[in-house]
Amino acid sequence: MKANTLKKQSQTDWDKVDKLTDEEIDTSEIPVMGEDFFKNADLMMPSESKVPITIRIDKPVLEWFKSQGKGYQTRINAILKAYVSSNKKKA
């Protein structure tokens, strides 16, 4: 994402960020998702009762989902479904 797509001017050097390789990115603060994480994870299967809608999503968000390959709408739906499920448990 380039700084000129943001409403507020970013102080981030996006050209420098874009040039980073995976090896140069510091991921030391990201916890490793081990067997316990996946043992306790809920598998969210797509339902058969999807309804076509029109929704407005920020362009960078949509571009990121599309960049992940085929099935981006299904992934968006799965994330929304997980959010609903998580919030139902809290209520």
PDB file of N, CA and C in Angstrom:
ATOM      1  N   MET A   1       0.849  -1.170   0.000  1.00  0.00           N
ATOM      2  CA  MET A   1       0.000   0.000   0.000  1.00  0.00           C
ATOM      3  C   MET A   1       0.891   1.228   0.000  1.00  0.00           C
ATOM      4  N   LYS A   2       0.631   2.142  -0.859  1.00  0.00           N
ATOM      5  CA  LYS A   2       1.410   3.364  -0.954  1.00  0.00           C
ATOM      6  C   LYS A   2       0.802   4.450  -0.064  1.00  0.00           C
ATOM      7  N   ALA A   3       1.645   5.346   0.423  1.00  0.00           N
ATOM      8  CA  ALA A   3       1.207   6.403   1.338  1.00  0.00           C
ATOM      9  C   ALA A   3       0.145   7.303   0.712  1.00  0.00           C
ATOM     10  N   ASN A   4       0.194   7.509  -0.582  1.00  0.00           N
ATOM     11  CA  ASN A   4      -0.765   8.430  -1.199  1.00  0.00           C
ATOM     12  C   ASN A   4      -2.186   7.882  -1.253  1.00  0.00           C
ATOM     13  N   THR A   5      -2.409   6.616  -0.873  1.00  0.00           N
ATOM     14  CA  THR A   5      -3.758   6.061  -0.842  1.00  0.00           C
ATOM     15  C   THR A   5      -4.410   6.287   0.516  1.00  0.00           C
ATOM     16  N   LEU A   6      -3.663   6.802   1.481  1.00  0.00           N
ATOM     17  CA  LEU A   6      -4.188   7.036   2.815  1.00  0.00           C
ATOM     18  C   LEU A   6      -4.737   8.453   2.924  1.00  0.00           C
ATOM     19  N   LYS A   7      -5.753   8.624   3.795  1.00  0.00           N
ATOM     20  CA  LYS A   7      -6.312   9.958   3.993  1.00  0.00           C
ATOM     21  C   LYS A   7      -5.321  10.847   4.728  1.00  0.00           C
ATOM     22  N   LYS A   8      -4.670  10.318   5.761  1.00  0.00           N
ATOM     23  CA  LYS A   8      -3.649  11.074   6.475  1.00  0.00           C
ATOM     24  C   LYS A   8      -2.294  10.696   5.895  1.00  0.00           C
ATOM     25  N   GLN A   9      -1.421  11.651   5.796  1.00  0.00           N
ATOM     26  CA  GLN A   9      -0.097  11.396   5.230  1.00  0.00           C
ATOM     27  C   GLN A   9       0.700  10.483   6.161  1.00  0.00           C
ATOM     28  N   SER A  10       1.135   9.376   5.666  1.00  0.00           N
ATOM     29  CA  SER A  10       1.918   8.423   6.447  1.00  0.00           C
ATOM     30  C   SER A  10       3.371   8.870   6.514  1.00  0.00           C
ATOM     31  N   GLN A  11       4.004   8.577   7.633  1.00  0.00           N
ATOM     32  CA  GLN A  11       5.424   8.874   7.772  1.00  0.00           C
ATOM     33  C   GLN A  11       6.269   7.634   7.464  1.00  0.00           C
ATOM     34  N   THR A  12       5.610   6.572   7.068  1.00  0.00           N
ATOM     35  CA  THR A  12       6.295   5.331   6.728  1.00  0.00           C
ATOM     36  C   THR A  12       6.923   5.437   5.346  1.00  0.00           C
ATOM     37  N   ASP A  13       8.137   4.941   5.209  1.00  0.00           N
ATOM     38  CA  ASP A  13       8.814   4.907   3.915  1.00  0.00           C
ATOM     39  C   ASP A  13       8.353   3.629   3.201  1.00  0.00           C
ATOM     40  N   TRP A  14       7.217   3.728   2.479  1.00  0.00           N
ATOM     41  CA  TRP A  14       6.609   2.549   1.876  1.00  0.00           C
ATOM     42  C   TRP A  14       7.492   1.930   0.790  1.00  0.00           C
ATOM     43  N   ASP A  15       8.296   2.736   0.095  1.00  0.00           N
ATOM     44  CA  ASP A  15       9.204   2.169  -0.910  1.00  0.00           C
ATOM     45  C   ASP A  15      10.204   1.234  -0.233  1.00  0.00           C
ATOM     46  N   LYS A  16      10.710   1.647   0.933  1.00  0.00           N
ATOM     47  CA  LYS A  16      11.652   0.812   1.692  1.00  0.00           C
ATOM     48  C   LYS A  16      10.954  -0.468   2.167  1.00  0.00           C
ATOM     49  N   VAL A  17       9.736  -0.327   2.660  1.00  0.00           N
ATOM     50  CA  VAL A  17       8.975  -1.490   3.140  1.00  0.00           C
ATOM     51  C   VAL A  17       8.718  -2.462   1.995  1.00  0.00           C
ATOM     52  N   ASP A  18       8.322  -1.935   0.840  1.00  0.00           N
ATOM     53  CA  ASP A  18       8.036  -2.787  -0.320  1.00  0.00           C
ATOM     54  C   ASP A  18       9.254  -3.583  -0.780  1.00  0.00           C
ATOM     55  N   LYS A  19      10.452  -3.048  -0.532  1.00  0.00           N
ATOM     56  CA  LYS A  19      11.684  -3.706  -0.989  1.00  0.00           C
ATOM     57  C   LYS A  19      12.196  -4.761  -0.013  1.00  0.00           C
ATOM     58  N   LEU A  20      11.618  -4.826   1.205  1.00  0.00           N
ATOM     59  CA  LEU A  20      12.068  -5.812   2.189  1.00  0.00           C
ATOM     60  C   LEU A  20      11.796  -7.231   1.703  1.00  0.00           C
ATOM     61  N   THR A  21      12.727  -8.120   1.947  1.00  0.00           N
ATOM     62  CA  THR A  21      12.499  -9.530   1.668  1.00  0.00           C
ATOM     63  C   THR A  21      11.870 -10.153   2.910  1.00  0.00           C
ATOM     64  N   ASP A  22      11.323 -11.347   2.779  1.00  0.00           N
ATOM     65  CA  ASP A  22      10.725 -12.036   3.926  1.00  0.00           C
ATOM     66  C   ASP A  22      11.747 -12.218   5.051  1.00  0.00           C
ATOM     67  N   GLU A  23      12.991 -12.489   4.685  1.00  0.00           N
ATOM     68  CA  GLU A  23      14.041 -12.717   5.679  1.00  0.00           C
ATOM     69  C   GLU A  23      14.380 -11.448   6.461  1.00  0.00           C
ATOM     70  N   GLU A  24      14.173 -10.290   5.871  1.00  0.00           N
ATOM     71  CA  GLU A  24      14.507  -9.024   6.521  1.00  0.00           C
ATOM     72  C   GLU A  24      13.415  -8.522   7.470  1.00  0.00           C
ATOM     73  N   ILE A  25      12.242  -9.120   7.420  1.00  0.00           N
ATOM     74  CA  ILE A  25      11.135  -8.686   8.263  1.00  0.00           C
ATOM     75  C   ILE A  25      11.268  -9.329   9.641  1.00  0.00           C
ATOM     76  N   ASP A  26      11.252  -8.487  10.683  1.00  0.00           N
ATOM     77  CA  ASP A  26      11.380  -8.960  12.061  1.00  0.00           C
ATOM     78  C   ASP A  26      10.043  -9.520  12.529  1.00  0.00           C
ATOM     79  N   THR A  27       9.988 -10.821  12.699  1.00  0.00           N
ATOM     80  CA  THR A  27       8.765 -11.483  13.167  1.00  0.00           C
ATOM     81  C   THR A  27       8.945 -12.035  14.580  1.00  0.00           C
ATOM     82  N   SER A  28       9.963 -11.545  15.298  1.00  0.00           N
ATOM     83  CA  SER A  28      10.293 -12.104  16.613  1.00  0.00           C
ATOM     84  C   SER A  28       9.188 -11.931  17.652  1.00  0.00           C
ATOM     85  N   GLU A  29       8.307 -10.949  17.465  1.00  0.00           N
ATOM     86  CA  GLU A  29       7.237 -10.730  18.432  1.00  0.00           C
ATOM     87  C   GLU A  29       5.957 -11.495  18.094  1.00  0.00           C
ATOM     88  N   ILE A  30       5.957 -12.206  16.982  1.00  0.00           N
ATOM     89  CA  ILE A  30       4.780 -12.974  16.584  1.00  0.00           C
ATOM     90  C   ILE A  30       4.895 -14.375  17.190  1.00  0.00           C
ATOM     91  N   PRO A  31       3.919 -14.773  18.001  1.00  0.00           N
ATOM     92  CA  PRO A  31       4.007 -16.092  18.625  1.00  0.00           C
ATOM     93  C   PRO A  31       3.877 -17.217  17.591  1.00  0.00           C
ATOM     94  N   VAL A  32       4.585 -18.305  17.845  1.00  0.00           N
ATOM     95  CA  VAL A  32       4.502 -19.480  16.982  1.00  0.00           C
ATOM     96  C   VAL A  32       3.178 -20.178  17.270  1.00  0.00           C
ATOM     97  N   MET A  33       2.456 -20.535  16.227  1.00  0.00           N
ATOM     98  CA  MET A  33       1.198 -21.262  16.411  1.00  0.00           C
ATOM     99  C   MET A  33       1.516 -22.754  16.368  1.00  0.00           C
ATOM    100  N   GLY A  34       1.650 -23.335  17.536  1.00  0.00           N
ATOM    101  CA  GLY A  34       2.012 -24.742  17.644  1.00  0.00           C
ATOM    102  C   GLY A  34       0.810 -25.669  17.576  1.00  0.00           C
ATOM    103  N   GLU A  35       1.034 -26.915  17.964  1.00  0.00           N
ATOM    104  CA  GLU A  35      -0.020 -27.932  17.903  1.00  0.00           C
ATOM    105  C   GLU A  35      -1.224 -27.556  18.753  1.00  0.00           C
ATOM    106  N   ASP A  36      -1.006 -26.939  19.918  1.00  0.00           N
ATOM    107  CA  ASP A  36      -2.117 -26.559  20.785  1.00  0.00           C
ATOM    108  C   ASP A  36      -3.067 -25.596  20.089  1.00  0.00           C
ATOM    109  N   PHE A  37      -2.495 -24.641  19.341  1.00  0.00           N
ATOM    110  CA  PHE A  37      -3.337 -23.682  18.630  1.00  0.00           C
ATOM    111  C   PHE A  37      -4.261 -24.412  17.662  1.00  0.00           C
ATOM    112  N   PHE A  38      -3.690 -25.300  16.850  1.00  0.00           N
ATOM    113  CA  PHE A  38      -4.480 -25.981  15.835  1.00  0.00           C
ATOM    114  C   PHE A  38      -5.405 -27.034  16.442  1.00  0.00           C
ATOM    115  N   LYS A  39      -5.023 -27.604  17.582  1.00  0.00           N
ATOM    116  CA  LYS A  39      -5.874 -28.583  18.269  1.00  0.00           C
ATOM    117  C   LYS A  39      -7.161 -27.906  18.755  1.00  0.00           C
ATOM    118  N   ASN A  40      -7.048 -26.638  19.170  1.00  0.00           N
ATOM    119  CA  ASN A  40      -8.197 -25.914  19.710  1.00  0.00           C
ATOM    120  C   ASN A  40      -8.918 -25.046  18.684  1.00  0.00           C
ATOM    121  N   ALA A  41      -8.425 -25.017  17.453  1.00  0.00           N
ATOM    122  CA  ALA A  41      -9.032 -24.172  16.424  1.00  0.00           C
ATOM    123  C   ALA A  41     -10.347 -24.777  15.942  1.00  0.00           C
ATOM    124  N   ASP A  42     -11.293 -23.909  15.591  1.00  0.00           N
ATOM    125  CA  ASP A  42     -12.568 -24.351  15.025  1.00  0.00           C
ATOM    126  C   ASP A  42     -12.495 -24.273  13.512  1.00  0.00           C
ATOM    127  N   LEU A  43     -12.854 -25.363  12.849  1.00  0.00           N
ATOM    128  CA  LEU A  43     -12.910 -25.380  11.392  1.00  0.00           C
ATOM    129  C   LEU A  43     -14.230 -24.766  10.965  1.00  0.00           C
ATOM    130  N   MET A  44     -14.162 -23.731  10.154  1.00  0.00           N
ATOM    131  CA  MET A  44     -15.363 -23.032   9.706  1.00  0.00           C
ATOM    132  C   MET A  44     -15.609 -23.386   8.236  1.00  0.00           C
ATOM    133  N   MET A  45     -16.544 -24.263   7.985  1.00  0.00           N
ATOM    134  CA  MET A  45     -16.861 -24.677   6.624  1.00  0.00           C
ATOM    135  C   MET A  45     -17.882 -23.716   6.017  1.00  0.00           C
ATOM    136  N   PRO A  46     -17.751 -23.430   4.726  1.00  0.00           N
ATOM    137  CA  PRO A  46     -18.732 -22.543   4.083  1.00  0.00           C
ATOM    138  C   PRO A  46     -20.124 -23.171   4.133  1.00  0.00           C
ATOM    139  N   SER A  47     -21.118 -22.317   4.327  1.00  0.00           N
ATOM    140  CA  SER A  47     -22.492 -22.828   4.344  1.00  0.00           C
ATOM    141  C   SER A  47     -23.053 -22.815   2.929  1.00  0.00           C
ATOM    142  N   GLU A  48     -24.143 -23.513   2.762  1.00  0.00           N
ATOM    143  CA  GLU A  48     -24.791 -23.579   1.451  1.00  0.00           C
ATOM    144  C   GLU A  48     -25.794 -22.449   1.266  1.00  0.00           C
ATOM    145  N   SER A  49     -26.039 -21.663   2.318  1.00  0.00           N
ATOM    146  CA  SER A  49     -27.088 -20.652   2.246  1.00  0.00           C
ATOM    147  C   SER A  49     -26.520 -19.239   2.079  1.00  0.00           C
ATOM    148  N   LYS A  50     -25.585 -19.079   1.182  1.00  0.00           N
ATOM    149  CA  LYS A  50     -25.007 -17.756   0.943  1.00  0.00           C
ATOM    150  C   LYS A  50     -25.995 -16.904   0.152  1.00  0.00           C
ATOM    151  N   VAL A  51     -25.982 -15.614   0.471  1.00  0.00           N
ATOM    152  CA  VAL A  51     -26.873 -14.662  -0.175  1.00  0.00           C
ATOM    153  C   VAL A  51     -26.021 -13.624  -0.899  1.00  0.00           C
ATOM    154  N   PRO A  52     -26.258 -13.413  -2.187  1.00  0.00           N
ATOM    155  CA  PRO A  52     -25.480 -12.382  -2.891  1.00  0.00           C
ATOM    156  C   PRO A  52     -25.862 -10.988  -2.385  1.00  0.00           C
ATOM    157  N   ILE A  53     -24.841 -10.182  -2.077  1.00  0.00           N
ATOM    158  CA  ILE A  53     -25.057  -8.817  -1.597  1.00  0.00           C
ATOM    159  C   ILE A  53     -24.059  -7.885  -2.257  1.00  0.00           C
ATOM    160  N   THR A  54     -24.255  -6.603  -2.064  1.00  0.00           N
ATOM    161  CA  THR A  54     -23.267  -5.607  -2.445  1.00  0.00           C
ATOM    162  C   THR A  54     -22.728  -5.024  -1.159  1.00  0.00           C
ATOM    163  N   ILE A  55     -21.413  -4.957  -1.024  1.00  0.00           N
ATOM    164  CA  ILE A  55     -20.784  -4.444   0.190  1.00  0.00           C
ATOM    165  C   ILE A  55     -19.639  -3.522  -0.201  1.00  0.00           C
ATOM    166  N   ARG A  56     -19.422  -2.502   0.593  1.00  0.00           N
ATOM    167  CA  ARG A  56     -18.316  -1.576   0.342  1.00  0.00           C
ATOM    168  C   ARG A  56     -17.171  -1.935   1.284  1.00  0.00           C
ATOM    169  N   ILE A  57     -16.013  -2.219   0.703  1.00  0.00           N
ATOM    170  CA  ILE A  57     -14.815  -2.600   1.450  1.00  0.00           C
ATOM    171  C   ILE A  57     -13.688  -1.675   1.006  1.00  0.00           C
ATOM    172  N   ASP A  58     -12.862  -1.253   1.946  1.00  0.00           N
ATOM    173  CA  ASP A  58     -11.719  -0.412   1.589  1.00  0.00           C
ATOM    174  C   ASP A  58     -10.891  -1.103   0.507  1.00  0.00           C
ATOM    175  N   LYS A  59     -10.457  -0.336  -0.472  1.00  0.00           N
ATOM    176  CA  LYS A  59      -9.716  -0.878  -1.606  1.00  0.00           C
ATOM    177  C   LYS A  59      -8.483  -1.683  -1.184  1.00  0.00           C
ATOM    178  N   PRO A  60      -7.654  -1.181  -0.241  1.00  0.00           N
ATOM    179  CA  PRO A  60      -6.486  -1.973   0.155  1.00  0.00           C
ATOM    180  C   PRO A  60      -6.858  -3.315   0.784  1.00  0.00           C
ATOM    181  N   VAL A  61      -7.980  -3.361   1.495  1.00  0.00           N
ATOM    182  CA  VAL A  61      -8.432  -4.621   2.107  1.00  0.00           C
ATOM    183  C   VAL A  61      -8.813  -5.610   1.010  1.00  0.00           C
ATOM    184  N   LEU A  62      -9.610  -5.155   0.051  1.00  0.00           N
ATOM    185  CA  LEU A  62     -10.026  -6.025  -1.049  1.00  0.00           C
ATOM    186  C   LEU A  62      -8.824  -6.491  -1.866  1.00  0.00           C
ATOM    187  N   GLU A  63      -7.909  -5.580  -2.148  1.00  0.00           N
ATOM    188  CA  GLU A  63      -6.716  -5.946  -2.924  1.00  0.00           C
ATOM    189  C   GLU A  63      -5.901  -7.013  -2.201  1.00  0.00           C
ATOM    190  N   TRP A  64      -5.801  -6.884  -0.863  1.00  0.00           N
ATOM    191  CA  TRP A  64      -5.037  -7.886  -0.107  1.00  0.00           C
ATOM    192  C   TRP A  64      -5.703  -9.250  -0.213  1.00  0.00           C
ATOM    193  N   PHE A  65      -7.020  -9.304  -0.020  1.00  0.00           N
ATOM    194  CA  PHE A  65      -7.713 -10.593  -0.122  1.00  0.00           C
ATOM    195  C   PHE A  65      -7.561 -11.178  -1.527  1.00  0.00           C
ATOM    196  N   LYS A  66      -7.705 -10.350  -2.545  1.00  0.00           N
ATOM    197  CA  LYS A  66      -7.557 -10.837  -3.916  1.00  0.00           C
ATOM    198  C   LYS A  66      -6.140 -11.335  -4.184  1.00  0.00           C
ATOM    199  N   SER A  67      -5.145 -10.683  -3.571  1.00  0.00           N
ATOM    200  CA  SER A  67      -3.748 -11.077  -3.791  1.00  0.00           C
ATOM    201  C   SER A  67      -3.447 -12.463  -3.218  1.00  0.00           C
ATOM    202  N   GLN A  68      -4.315 -12.952  -2.336  1.00  0.00           N
ATOM    203  CA  GLN A  68      -4.119 -14.266  -1.732  1.00  0.00           C
ATOM    204  C   GLN A  68      -4.577 -15.401  -2.642  1.00  0.00           C
ATOM    205  N   GLY A  69      -5.159 -15.035  -3.788  1.00  0.00           N
ATOM    206  CA  GLY A  69      -5.533 -16.043  -4.770  1.00  0.00           C
ATOM    207  C   GLY A  69      -7.024 -16.306  -4.832  1.00  0.00           C
ATOM    208  N   LYS A  70      -7.355 -17.312  -5.616  1.00  0.00           N
ATOM    209  CA  LYS A  70      -8.744 -17.681  -5.854  1.00  0.00           C
ATOM    210  C   LYS A  70      -9.448 -17.996  -4.529  1.00  0.00           C
ATOM    211  N   GLY A  71     -10.705 -17.612  -4.444  1.00  0.00           N
ATOM    212  CA  GLY A  71     -11.487 -17.907  -3.253  1.00  0.00           C
ATOM    213  C   GLY A  71     -11.493 -16.778  -2.233  1.00  0.00           C
ATOM    214  N   TYR A  72     -11.147 -15.565  -2.672  1.00  0.00           N
ATOM    215  CA  TYR A  72     -11.053 -14.457  -1.717  1.00  0.00           C
ATOM    216  C   TYR A  72     -12.407 -14.151  -1.074  1.00  0.00           C
ATOM    217  N   GLN A  73     -13.507 -14.297  -1.801  1.00  0.00           N
ATOM    218  CA  GLN A  73     -14.822 -14.036  -1.210  1.00  0.00           C
ATOM    219  C   GLN A  73     -15.147 -15.069  -0.140  1.00  0.00           C
ATOM    220  N   THR A  74     -14.763 -16.312  -0.367  1.00  0.00           N
ATOM    221  CA  THR A  74     -14.975 -17.368   0.617  1.00  0.00           C
ATOM    222  C   THR A  74     -14.156 -17.093   1.873  1.00  0.00           C
ATOM    223  N   ARG A  75     -12.919 -16.593   1.701  1.00  0.00           N
ATOM    224  CA  ARG A  75     -12.091 -16.260   2.871  1.00  0.00           C
ATOM    225  C   ARG A  75     -12.680 -15.092   3.650  1.00  0.00           C
ATOM    226  N   ILE A  76     -13.168 -14.070   2.954  1.00  0.00           N
ATOM    227  CA  ILE A  76     -13.811 -12.947   3.636  1.00  0.00           C
ATOM    228  C   ILE A  76     -15.005 -13.461   4.426  1.00  0.00           C
ATOM    229  N   ASN A  77     -15.811 -14.320   3.820  1.00  0.00           N
ATOM    230  CA  ASN A  77     -16.980 -14.889   4.492  1.00  0.00           C
ATOM    231  C   ASN A  77     -16.560 -15.694   5.722  1.00  0.00           C
ATOM    232  N   ALA A  78     -15.501 -16.488   5.604  1.00  0.00           N
ATOM    233  CA  ALA A  78     -15.038 -17.303   6.730  1.00  0.00           C
ATOM    234  C   ALA A  78     -14.584 -16.429   7.898  1.00  0.00           C
ATOM    235  N   ILE A  79     -13.926 -15.330   7.597  1.00  0.00           N
ATOM    236  CA  ILE A  79     -13.471 -14.418   8.659  1.00  0.00           C
ATOM    237  C   ILE A  79     -14.670 -13.761   9.335  1.00  0.00           C
ATOM    238  N   LEU A  80     -15.638 -13.328   8.560  1.00  0.00           N
ATOM    239  CA  LEU A  80     -16.838 -12.734   9.139  1.00  0.00           C
ATOM    240  C   LEU A  80     -17.609 -13.765   9.970  1.00  0.00           C
ATOM    241  N   LYS A  81     -17.663 -14.995   9.480  1.00  0.00           N
ATOM    242  CA  LYS A  81     -18.349 -16.071  10.197  1.00  0.00           C
ATOM    243  C   LYS A  81     -17.654 -16.360  11.526  1.00  0.00           C
ATOM    244  N   ALA A  82     -16.324 -16.369  11.532  1.00  0.00           N
ATOM    245  CA  ALA A  82     -15.567 -16.594  12.766  1.00  0.00           C
ATOM    246  C   ALA A  82     -15.798 -15.452  13.748  1.00  0.00           C
ATOM    247  N   TYR A  83     -15.881 -14.233  13.243  1.00  0.00           N
ATOM    248  CA  TYR A  83     -16.138 -13.066  14.084  1.00  0.00           C
ATOM    249  C   TYR A  83     -17.507 -13.191  14.760  1.00  0.00           C
ATOM    250  N   VAL A  84     -18.525 -13.556  13.972  1.00  0.00           N
ATOM    251  CA  VAL A  84     -19.865 -13.725  14.530  1.00  0.00           C
ATOM    252  C   VAL A  84     -19.858 -14.821  15.582  1.00  0.00           C
ATOM    253  N   SER A  85     -19.230 -15.942  15.275  1.00  0.00           N
ATOM    254  CA  SER A  85     -19.175 -17.067  16.213  1.00  0.00           C
ATOM    255  C   SER A  85     -18.479 -16.669  17.508  1.00  0.00           C
ATOM    256  N   SER A  86     -17.383 -15.953  17.402  1.00  0.00           N
ATOM    257  CA  SER A  86     -16.615 -15.506  18.571  1.00  0.00           C
ATOM    258  C   SER A  86     -17.441 -14.560  19.440  1.00  0.00           C
ATOM    259  N   ASN A  87     -18.172 -13.673  18.799  1.00  0.00           N
ATOM    260  CA  ASN A  87     -18.962 -12.706  19.561  1.00  0.00           C
ATOM    261  C   ASN A  87     -20.221 -13.332  20.152  1.00  0.00           C
ATOM    262  N   LYS A  88     -20.737 -14.386  19.553  1.00  0.00           N
ATOM    263  CA  LYS A  88     -21.877 -15.099  20.140  1.00  0.00           C
ATOM    264  C   LYS A  88     -21.454 -15.778  21.431  1.00  0.00           C
ATOM    265  N   LYS A  89     -20.217 -16.318  21.456  1.00  0.00           N
ATOM    266  CA  LYS A  89     -19.701 -16.991  22.651  1.00  0.00           C
ATOM    267  C   LYS A  89     -19.543 -16.003  23.808  1.00  0.00           C
ATOM    268  N   LYS A  90     -19.195 -14.753  23.489  1.00  0.00           N
ATOM    269  CA  LYS A  90     -18.981 -13.716  24.524  1.00  0.00           C
ATOM    270  C   LYS A  90     -20.293 -13.243  25.121  1.00  0.00           C
ATOM    271  N   ALA A  91     -21.366 -13.307  24.322  1.00  0.00           N
ATOM    272  CA  ALA A  91     -22.657 -12.754  24.765  1.00  0.00           C
ATOM    273  C   ALA A  91     -23.377 -13.619  25.771  1.00  0.00           C
TER     274      ALA A  91
END
